[in-house]
Amino acid sequence: MADSKTFLGTEPIGGLLAKLALPTVAAQLINMLYNIVDRIYIGHIPGEGAMALTGVGVCMPIIMVVSAFASLVGYGGSPRASIYMGKNDQKTAESILGNCFALLVLISLGLTAVLLVWSRPLLLTFGASENTIGYAVSYMNIYACGTLFVQLTLGMNAFITAQGFAKTGMLSVLIGAVCNIVLDPVFIFVFDMGVPGAALATILSQAVSCIWVLAFLFGKKTVLRIRRENLRLSAPVILPCVALGLATFIMQTSESILSVCFNSSLLKYGGDIAVGAMTILSSVMQFAMLPLQGLGQGAQPIISYNYGAGNGKRVKDAFFLLLKCSVIYSLLLWLSVELAPHLFAGIFTSNPELVEFSSGALRIYMAGMFLFGVQMACQMTFNSLGNAKASIAVAVVRKFVLLIPLIYAMPLLFSSSPEAQTRAIYMAEPIADILAVTFTATLFYFQFRKALRPFAQKKNVV
């Protein structure tokens, strides 16, 4: 790509966003298959599928934490690298890439040790019961061995997309997902490994993706290259990246904390079936979250590069196009879930009781999803502009200020029966979403105008 250093600032916004966002959305949907394909196959294991699905579902919060560390570094460093590319400062951009790579390796080693030593107590804390802990431990102990592959694949792939190589970033994920789809049934059913087979298929697939990502970033086709001289950690380089990545980190780790809150409350009022339904609900939520993140990642190089280059009009145009696409997607998904919840629930389990229970819960849990496109577009744009404080604020308010208190307050307000209390717990999500969108949109209005003001004084873009 001969003009890869300038095309982000010159090509038409609509075509450019389509070129970058379609592969990143596809990559997020494909990435979602890593865990969802596991759950689909596990949920259909004869005789024990429902309980095995619940056990593996308890592993998801820990897997989210592992992924969150990759996002802390990757989605904190990559926008800054794009901004410096916009400033035509290749040296600093490559220094950011090298530092982030080194930090991801160190984090991977620490996480692997923690997961191998403390997986059982962690899983019990995250909602495993005596009926499901065996499935959860067998999955997590194998998954932990692939932590390095997960960290480098997710964290470093963000730098591929940030340079405008969206198709290459999509292929990074596609290669691993195809491997996972092929290996899952082989290990689970043909070799009769069950839940451990699903975990083994996942980490082997991530290893293949990792090799692809690193081959590109060490190779000649990339604009920013991993170089030995940039692998020594430097506080002035890495700390701003970590600060910017904190919002995404908080957003993803809070999902784990929320899972503990949801699972403990649901286990108390609704039992294992309510926890099993939560596994399905969180999987369907990924259908919303990950494509919206993919849209944001597609817009990120455009917004970051042009913000660094001082082109406020292109920043503004890119955001409003991102907002429009995000709102349309969230509205369509909301309609689909509300009209056909059984279809979504049936993807993950063949147990009639669990399908019926999950369908009713889905309608409640996803009731506020039609507004979520606004939340994600604003939050991703905060990150693209390097506005760490605002990005962290919207993440903290939605999860910690609103949702967690509501999880515990709602069953106290609807205490007529355990069934009513269980439904009330699911209601916490849409109430928090509506309130969070109101806060985020208000904050964004003022912060976005502030960010564009220096350009407006020159070119009258606001």
Foldseek 3Di string as FASTA:
>chain_A
DVCLLPPLPDDDLVVLLCLQLVLLLLLLVLLLLLLQVLLLVQQPDPPCSLLLSLLQLLCVLVVLLLLLVLLLLQLLLLLVLLLVSLVVNQPLSLLSLQQSLLVLQVVLVVQLVCCQVCVQVSSVLLFDDPSRSVSNNLLSNLLSVLSSLSSQLNRLLLNCSLSVNSNLSSVLSNQLSVQLNVQQCCQCPVVVPRSNSSNNSSSVSSNSSNVSSLCVQCDDPDSRHHDPVSNDHDCVSRVLSSLLSVLSSLLRSLVSVVSSLLNVQCCVLPNSLLSSLVSLLVSLVSVLPRSLVSSLSSLLSSLSSCLSNLNLQSNVVSLVVSLVVLLVVLQVSLVVLLVCVLVSLVSRHPPVVSSVVSSVLNNQLSVQSSLVSLVSSLLSSCSSNSVSVLNNVLSCCLRPVQQSVQLVVQLVVQVPGSVSSSSSNSNSNNVSSVVSSVVSVVVSVVVSCVSNVVSCVPVVND
